[in-house]
């Protein structure tokens, strides 16, 4: 523990970004003795159709007897698309009334996505 802190702290996810949920912190309360460390797990989920991007998620630890003694760690939750599509060529020049042109496209899943 920092500066030989001894005590009990509650952990939470305050002000989660819209569409990003901190579903569970286990354990949600830890007790530390001087020089000790403790680990917790944080369950994080993202809503279906959440916009692709990076979202800051705060994890807060607050002393149970002195709420002015608190620390926050911010993690970045990166939402990636479920799948991508890439076509080649990505620039096609054709003339009016010309013949049909063909491009080749590949669709690939990301992060283990499997859908209907």
N, C-alpha and C. Protein backbone atom coordinates (compact mmCIF):
# COMPACT_ATOMS: atom_id res chain seq x y z
N UNK A 1 0.84 -1.19 0.00
CA UNK A 1 0.00 0.00 0.00
C UNK A 1 0.88 1.24 0.00
N UNK A 2 0.36 2.31 -0.53
CA UNK A 2 1.10 3.55 -0.67
C UNK A 2 1.23 4.25 0.69
N UNK A 3 2.44 4.68 1.01
CA UNK A 3 2.72 5.40 2.26
C UNK A 3 2.24 4.64 3.49
N UNK A 4 2.36 3.32 3.45
CA UNK A 4 2.01 2.46 4.58
C UNK A 4 0.56 2.59 5.02
N UNK A 5 -0.33 2.79 4.07
CA UNK A 5 -1.76 2.86 4.36
C UNK A 5 -2.25 1.54 4.96
N UNK A 6 -3.05 1.65 5.98
CA UNK A 6 -3.74 0.50 6.57
C UNK A 6 -5.20 0.89 6.69
N UNK A 7 -6.08 0.08 6.09
CA UNK A 7 -7.50 0.38 6.18
C UNK A 7 -8.30 -0.40 5.15
N UNK A 8 -9.56 -0.01 5.03
CA UNK A 8 -10.48 -0.68 4.12
C UNK A 8 -10.98 0.34 3.11
N UNK A 9 -11.06 -0.11 1.85
CA UNK A 9 -11.50 0.78 0.78
C UNK A 9 -12.60 0.10 -0.03
N UNK A 10 -13.58 0.90 -0.45
CA UNK A 10 -14.62 0.45 -1.37
C UNK A 10 -14.22 0.84 -2.78
N UNK A 11 -14.50 -0.05 -3.72
CA UNK A 11 -14.19 0.23 -5.12
C UNK A 11 -15.47 0.40 -5.91
N UNK A 12 -15.45 1.33 -6.87
CA UNK A 12 -16.63 1.59 -7.70
C UNK A 12 -16.19 2.14 -9.05
N UNK A 13 -17.15 2.26 -9.94
CA UNK A 13 -16.94 2.86 -11.26
C UNK A 13 -17.85 4.07 -11.38
N UNK A 14 -17.42 5.23 -10.90
CA UNK A 14 -18.28 6.41 -10.98
C UNK A 14 -18.32 6.98 -12.40
N UNK A 15 -19.43 7.57 -12.75
CA UNK A 15 -19.55 8.30 -14.01
C UNK A 15 -19.13 7.49 -15.24
N UNK A 16 -19.63 6.26 -15.34
CA UNK A 16 -19.31 5.44 -16.52
C UNK A 16 -19.85 6.11 -17.77
N UNK A 17 -19.10 6.05 -18.87
CA UNK A 17 -19.60 6.65 -20.12
C UNK A 17 -20.87 5.94 -20.59
N UNK A 18 -21.75 6.67 -21.25
CA UNK A 18 -22.98 6.09 -21.78
C UNK A 18 -22.63 4.92 -22.70
N UNK A 19 -23.29 3.78 -22.47
CA UNK A 19 -23.09 2.61 -23.30
C UNK A 19 -22.00 1.67 -22.81
N UNK A 20 -21.22 2.11 -21.82
CA UNK A 20 -20.18 1.28 -21.24
C UNK A 20 -20.55 1.04 -19.78
N UNK A 21 -20.61 -0.23 -19.38
CA UNK A 21 -21.06 -0.58 -18.04
C UNK A 21 -19.98 -1.31 -17.28
N UNK A 22 -19.77 -0.86 -16.06
CA UNK A 22 -18.92 -1.57 -15.12
C UNK A 22 -19.87 -2.45 -14.33
N UNK A 23 -19.96 -3.72 -14.72
CA UNK A 23 -21.01 -4.60 -14.18
C UNK A 23 -20.68 -5.19 -12.82
N UNK A 24 -19.41 -5.40 -12.51
CA UNK A 24 -19.05 -5.99 -11.22
C UNK A 24 -17.59 -5.75 -10.91
N UNK A 25 -17.33 -5.39 -9.66
CA UNK A 25 -15.96 -5.32 -9.16
C UNK A 25 -15.89 -6.38 -8.07
N UNK A 26 -14.95 -7.31 -8.21
CA UNK A 26 -14.86 -8.41 -7.26
C UNK A 26 -13.44 -8.51 -6.71
N UNK A 27 -13.25 -8.41 -5.41
CA UNK A 27 -14.24 -7.96 -4.43
C UNK A 27 -14.43 -6.45 -4.52
N UNK A 28 -15.56 -5.96 -4.09
CA UNK A 28 -15.83 -4.53 -4.17
C UNK A 28 -15.29 -3.77 -2.95
N UNK A 29 -14.80 -4.51 -1.98
CA UNK A 29 -14.19 -3.90 -0.80
C UNK A 29 -12.92 -4.68 -0.47
N UNK A 30 -11.84 -3.95 -0.21
CA UNK A 30 -10.57 -4.59 0.13
C UNK A 30 -10.03 -4.00 1.43
N UNK A 31 -9.28 -4.81 2.15
CA UNK A 31 -8.60 -4.35 3.36
C UNK A 31 -7.11 -4.51 3.13
N UNK A 32 -6.37 -3.43 3.38
CA UNK A 32 -4.92 -3.43 3.21
C UNK A 32 -4.21 -3.21 4.53
N UNK A 33 -3.06 -3.82 4.64
CA UNK A 33 -2.16 -3.55 5.74
C UNK A 33 -0.93 -2.86 5.16
N UNK A 34 -0.13 -2.26 6.02
CA UNK A 34 1.04 -1.51 5.57
C UNK A 34 1.91 -2.34 4.63
N UNK A 35 2.19 -1.80 3.47
CA UNK A 35 3.05 -2.45 2.50
C UNK A 35 2.39 -3.51 1.64
N UNK A 36 1.12 -3.81 1.87
CA UNK A 36 0.42 -4.88 1.15
C UNK A 36 -0.22 -4.36 -0.14
N UNK A 37 -0.52 -5.28 -1.04
CA UNK A 37 -1.29 -4.97 -2.23
C UNK A 37 -2.45 -5.95 -2.32
N UNK A 38 -3.43 -5.61 -3.11
CA UNK A 38 -4.59 -6.48 -3.32
C UNK A 38 -5.04 -6.33 -4.76
N UNK A 39 -5.60 -7.39 -5.34
CA UNK A 39 -6.08 -7.34 -6.72
C UNK A 39 -7.59 -7.53 -6.75
N UNK A 40 -8.22 -6.87 -7.71
CA UNK A 40 -9.65 -7.03 -7.93
C UNK A 40 -9.86 -7.27 -9.42
N UNK A 41 -11.01 -7.80 -9.78
CA UNK A 41 -11.38 -7.92 -11.18
C UNK A 41 -12.56 -6.99 -11.44
N UNK A 42 -12.59 -6.42 -12.63
CA UNK A 42 -13.65 -5.49 -13.00
C UNK A 42 -14.33 -6.03 -14.26
N UNK A 43 -15.64 -6.29 -14.17
CA UNK A 43 -16.41 -6.72 -15.33
C UNK A 43 -16.88 -5.51 -16.12
N UNK A 44 -16.59 -5.50 -17.41
CA UNK A 44 -16.93 -4.36 -18.26
C UNK A 44 -17.71 -4.89 -19.46
N UNK A 45 -18.83 -4.24 -19.76
CA UNK A 45 -19.60 -4.62 -20.94
C UNK A 45 -19.94 -3.38 -21.75
N UNK A 46 -20.22 -3.60 -23.03
CA UNK A 46 -20.53 -2.51 -23.95
C UNK A 46 -21.86 -2.83 -24.62
N UNK A 47 -22.75 -1.84 -24.70
CA UNK A 47 -24.06 -2.04 -25.32
C UNK A 47 -23.94 -2.40 -26.79
N UNK A 48 -24.91 -3.17 -27.26
CA UNK A 48 -25.00 -3.46 -28.68
C UNK A 48 -25.15 -2.14 -29.44
N UNK A 49 -24.52 -2.03 -30.58
CA UNK A 49 -24.55 -0.84 -31.43
C UNK A 49 -23.84 0.36 -30.82
N UNK A 50 -22.96 0.13 -29.84
CA UNK A 50 -22.17 1.22 -29.28
C UNK A 50 -21.24 1.76 -30.37
N UNK A 51 -21.14 3.05 -30.46
CA UNK A 51 -20.29 3.65 -31.49
C UNK A 51 -18.83 3.25 -31.27
N UNK A 52 -18.16 2.91 -32.37
CA UNK A 52 -16.75 2.56 -32.32
C UNK A 52 -15.97 3.74 -31.79
N UNK A 53 -15.03 3.48 -30.88
CA UNK A 53 -14.21 4.55 -30.33
C UNK A 53 -13.61 4.17 -29.00
N UNK A 54 -12.99 5.13 -28.36
CA UNK A 54 -12.33 4.93 -27.08
C UNK A 54 -13.12 5.64 -25.99
N UNK A 55 -13.36 4.93 -24.89
CA UNK A 55 -14.17 5.47 -23.80
C UNK A 55 -13.41 5.37 -22.48
N UNK A 56 -13.27 6.48 -21.74
CA UNK A 56 -12.56 6.42 -20.46
C UNK A 56 -13.48 5.84 -19.37
N UNK A 57 -12.95 4.89 -18.62
CA UNK A 57 -13.71 4.28 -17.52
C UNK A 57 -12.90 4.46 -16.24
N UNK A 58 -13.51 5.09 -15.24
CA UNK A 58 -12.83 5.35 -13.98
C UNK A 58 -13.10 4.24 -12.98
N UNK A 59 -12.04 3.82 -12.29
CA UNK A 59 -12.15 2.89 -11.18
C UNK A 59 -11.71 3.68 -9.94
N UNK A 60 -12.61 3.77 -8.97
CA UNK A 60 -12.36 4.59 -7.78
C UNK A 60 -12.23 3.71 -6.54
N UNK A 61 -11.20 4.00 -5.74
CA UNK A 61 -11.02 3.35 -4.44
C UNK A 61 -11.14 4.44 -3.38
N UNK A 62 -12.06 4.22 -2.42
CA UNK A 62 -12.32 5.24 -1.39
C UNK A 62 -12.30 4.60 -0.01
N UNK A 63 -11.56 5.21 0.88
CA UNK A 63 -11.48 4.73 2.25
C UNK A 63 -12.88 4.70 2.87
N UNK A 64 -13.19 3.65 3.62
CA UNK A 64 -14.54 3.49 4.18
C UNK A 64 -14.83 4.44 5.34
N UNK A 65 -13.80 4.98 5.98
CA UNK A 65 -14.04 5.89 7.11
C UNK A 65 -13.71 7.35 6.80
N UNK A 66 -12.97 7.59 5.74
CA UNK A 66 -12.59 8.95 5.38
C UNK A 66 -12.78 9.13 3.88
N UNK A 67 -13.95 9.65 3.47
CA UNK A 67 -14.25 9.76 2.04
C UNK A 67 -13.40 10.80 1.31
N UNK A 68 -12.59 11.58 2.03
CA UNK A 68 -11.67 12.49 1.37
C UNK A 68 -10.40 11.75 0.93
N UNK A 69 -10.24 10.51 1.41
CA UNK A 69 -9.09 9.69 1.02
C UNK A 69 -9.54 8.75 -0.09
N UNK A 70 -9.31 9.17 -1.32
CA UNK A 70 -9.76 8.40 -2.48
C UNK A 70 -8.78 8.57 -3.63
N UNK A 71 -8.72 7.54 -4.47
CA UNK A 71 -7.87 7.59 -5.64
C UNK A 71 -8.63 7.01 -6.82
N UNK A 72 -8.34 7.52 -8.02
CA UNK A 72 -9.01 7.08 -9.24
C UNK A 72 -7.97 6.62 -10.24
N UNK A 73 -8.25 5.50 -10.89
CA UNK A 73 -7.46 5.04 -12.02
C UNK A 73 -8.39 5.02 -13.23
N UNK A 74 -7.92 5.54 -14.34
CA UNK A 74 -8.74 5.58 -15.55
C UNK A 74 -8.18 4.60 -16.57
N UNK A 75 -9.06 3.74 -17.08
CA UNK A 75 -8.67 2.83 -18.15
C UNK A 75 -9.41 3.24 -19.42
N UNK A 76 -8.86 2.88 -20.54
CA UNK A 76 -9.48 3.19 -21.83
C UNK A 76 -10.13 1.93 -22.38
N UNK A 77 -11.45 2.00 -22.60
CA UNK A 77 -12.19 0.89 -23.19
C UNK A 77 -12.30 1.17 -24.68
N UNK A 78 -11.68 0.32 -25.49
CA UNK A 78 -11.64 0.51 -26.94
C UNK A 78 -12.72 -0.36 -27.58
N UNK A 79 -13.73 0.29 -28.18
CA UNK A 79 -14.80 -0.43 -28.86
C UNK A 79 -14.42 -0.54 -30.34
N UNK A 80 -14.35 -1.79 -30.81
CA UNK A 80 -13.97 -2.05 -32.20
C UNK A 80 -15.19 -2.55 -32.96
N UNK A 81 -15.20 -2.40 -34.28
CA UNK A 81 -16.35 -2.91 -35.05
C UNK A 81 -16.40 -4.44 -34.98
N UNK A 82 -17.60 -5.00 -35.06
CA UNK A 82 -17.78 -6.45 -35.02
C UNK A 82 -17.15 -7.11 -36.24
N UNK A 83 -17.18 -6.41 -37.36
CA UNK A 83 -16.57 -6.93 -38.58
C UNK A 83 -16.15 -5.78 -39.48
N UNK A 84 -15.27 -6.09 -40.40
CA UNK A 84 -14.78 -5.10 -41.36
C UNK A 84 -15.06 -5.59 -42.78
N UNK A 85 -15.11 -4.66 -43.70
CA UNK A 85 -15.20 -5.01 -45.11
C UNK A 85 -14.14 -4.18 -45.85
N UNK A 86 -13.39 -4.85 -46.72
CA UNK A 86 -12.36 -4.18 -47.50
C UNK A 86 -12.49 -4.62 -48.95
N UNK A 87 -12.48 -3.66 -49.86
CA UNK A 87 -12.64 -3.97 -51.29
C UNK A 87 -11.43 -3.48 -52.08
N UNK A 88 -11.09 -4.26 -53.12
CA UNK A 88 -10.04 -3.87 -54.03
C UNK A 88 -10.50 -4.07 -55.46
N UNK A 89 -10.24 -3.17 -56.31
CA UNK A 89 -9.56 -1.92 -55.98
C UNK A 89 -10.50 -1.00 -55.19
N UNK A 90 -9.90 -0.08 -54.40
CA UNK A 90 -10.74 0.85 -53.64
C UNK A 90 -11.02 2.13 -54.41
N UNK A 91 -10.50 2.22 -55.64
CA UNK A 91 -10.82 3.31 -56.56
C UNK A 91 -11.15 2.68 -57.90
N UNK A 92 -12.34 2.95 -58.39
CA UNK A 92 -12.79 2.35 -59.65
C UNK A 92 -13.15 3.45 -60.63
N UNK A 93 -12.53 3.44 -61.78
CA UNK A 93 -12.86 4.41 -62.83
C UNK A 93 -13.61 3.67 -63.93
N UNK A 94 -14.75 4.21 -64.30
CA UNK A 94 -15.54 3.61 -65.38
C UNK A 94 -16.21 4.73 -66.15
N UNK A 95 -16.67 4.42 -67.33
CA UNK A 95 -17.31 5.45 -68.15
C UNK A 95 -18.82 5.22 -68.18
N UNK A 96 -19.54 6.28 -68.48
CA UNK A 96 -20.99 6.18 -68.60
C UNK A 96 -21.34 5.16 -69.66
N UNK A 97 -22.30 4.31 -69.37
CA UNK A 97 -22.75 3.31 -70.34
C UNK A 97 -21.73 2.22 -70.60
N UNK A 98 -20.64 2.22 -69.85
CA UNK A 98 -19.58 1.23 -70.05
C UNK A 98 -19.98 -0.13 -69.48
N UNK A 99 -19.12 -1.10 -69.66
CA UNK A 99 -19.42 -2.44 -69.19
C UNK A 99 -19.39 -2.49 -67.66
N UNK A 100 -20.03 -3.51 -67.12
CA UNK A 100 -20.03 -3.72 -65.68
C UNK A 100 -18.61 -3.97 -65.21
N UNK A 101 -18.23 -3.32 -64.13
CA UNK A 101 -16.91 -3.51 -63.52
C UNK A 101 -17.08 -4.37 -62.27
N UNK A 102 -16.05 -5.08 -61.89
CA UNK A 102 -16.12 -5.97 -60.74
C UNK A 102 -15.02 -5.62 -59.75
N UNK A 103 -15.38 -5.57 -58.49
CA UNK A 103 -14.39 -5.42 -57.41
C UNK A 103 -14.50 -6.63 -56.51
N UNK A 104 -13.46 -6.94 -55.81
CA UNK A 104 -13.44 -8.06 -54.88
C UNK A 104 -13.45 -7.50 -53.46
N UNK A 105 -14.38 -8.01 -52.63
CA UNK A 105 -14.48 -7.53 -51.25
C UNK A 105 -14.32 -8.69 -50.28
N UNK A 106 -13.66 -8.40 -49.18
CA UNK A 106 -13.47 -9.38 -48.12
C UNK A 106 -14.12 -8.85 -46.86
N UNK A 107 -14.94 -9.69 -46.24
CA UNK A 107 -15.56 -9.36 -44.96
C UNK A 107 -14.91 -10.25 -43.91
N UNK A 108 -14.43 -9.63 -42.83
CA UNK A 108 -13.76 -10.41 -41.79
C UNK A 108 -14.28 -10.01 -40.41
N UNK A 109 -14.37 -10.99 -39.52
CA UNK A 109 -14.85 -10.74 -38.16
C UNK A 109 -13.70 -10.22 -37.30
N UNK A 110 -14.05 -9.46 -36.29
CA UNK A 110 -13.09 -8.90 -35.34
C UNK A 110 -13.39 -9.41 -33.94
N UNK A 111 -12.35 -9.58 -33.16
CA UNK A 111 -12.50 -9.91 -31.74
C UNK A 111 -13.41 -11.10 -31.50
N UNK A 112 -13.35 -12.10 -32.35
CA UNK A 112 -14.14 -13.31 -32.13
C UNK A 112 -15.62 -13.16 -32.47
N UNK A 113 -15.99 -12.11 -33.20
CA UNK A 113 -17.40 -11.91 -33.56
C UNK A 113 -17.93 -13.08 -34.36
N UNK A 114 -19.12 -13.51 -33.98
CA UNK A 114 -19.82 -14.55 -34.73
C UNK A 114 -21.29 -14.20 -34.66
N UNK A 115 -21.88 -13.90 -35.79
CA UNK A 115 -23.27 -13.45 -35.79
C UNK A 115 -24.07 -14.07 -36.90
N UNK A 116 -25.36 -13.81 -36.86
CA UNK A 116 -26.23 -14.37 -37.91
C UNK A 116 -25.96 -13.74 -39.26
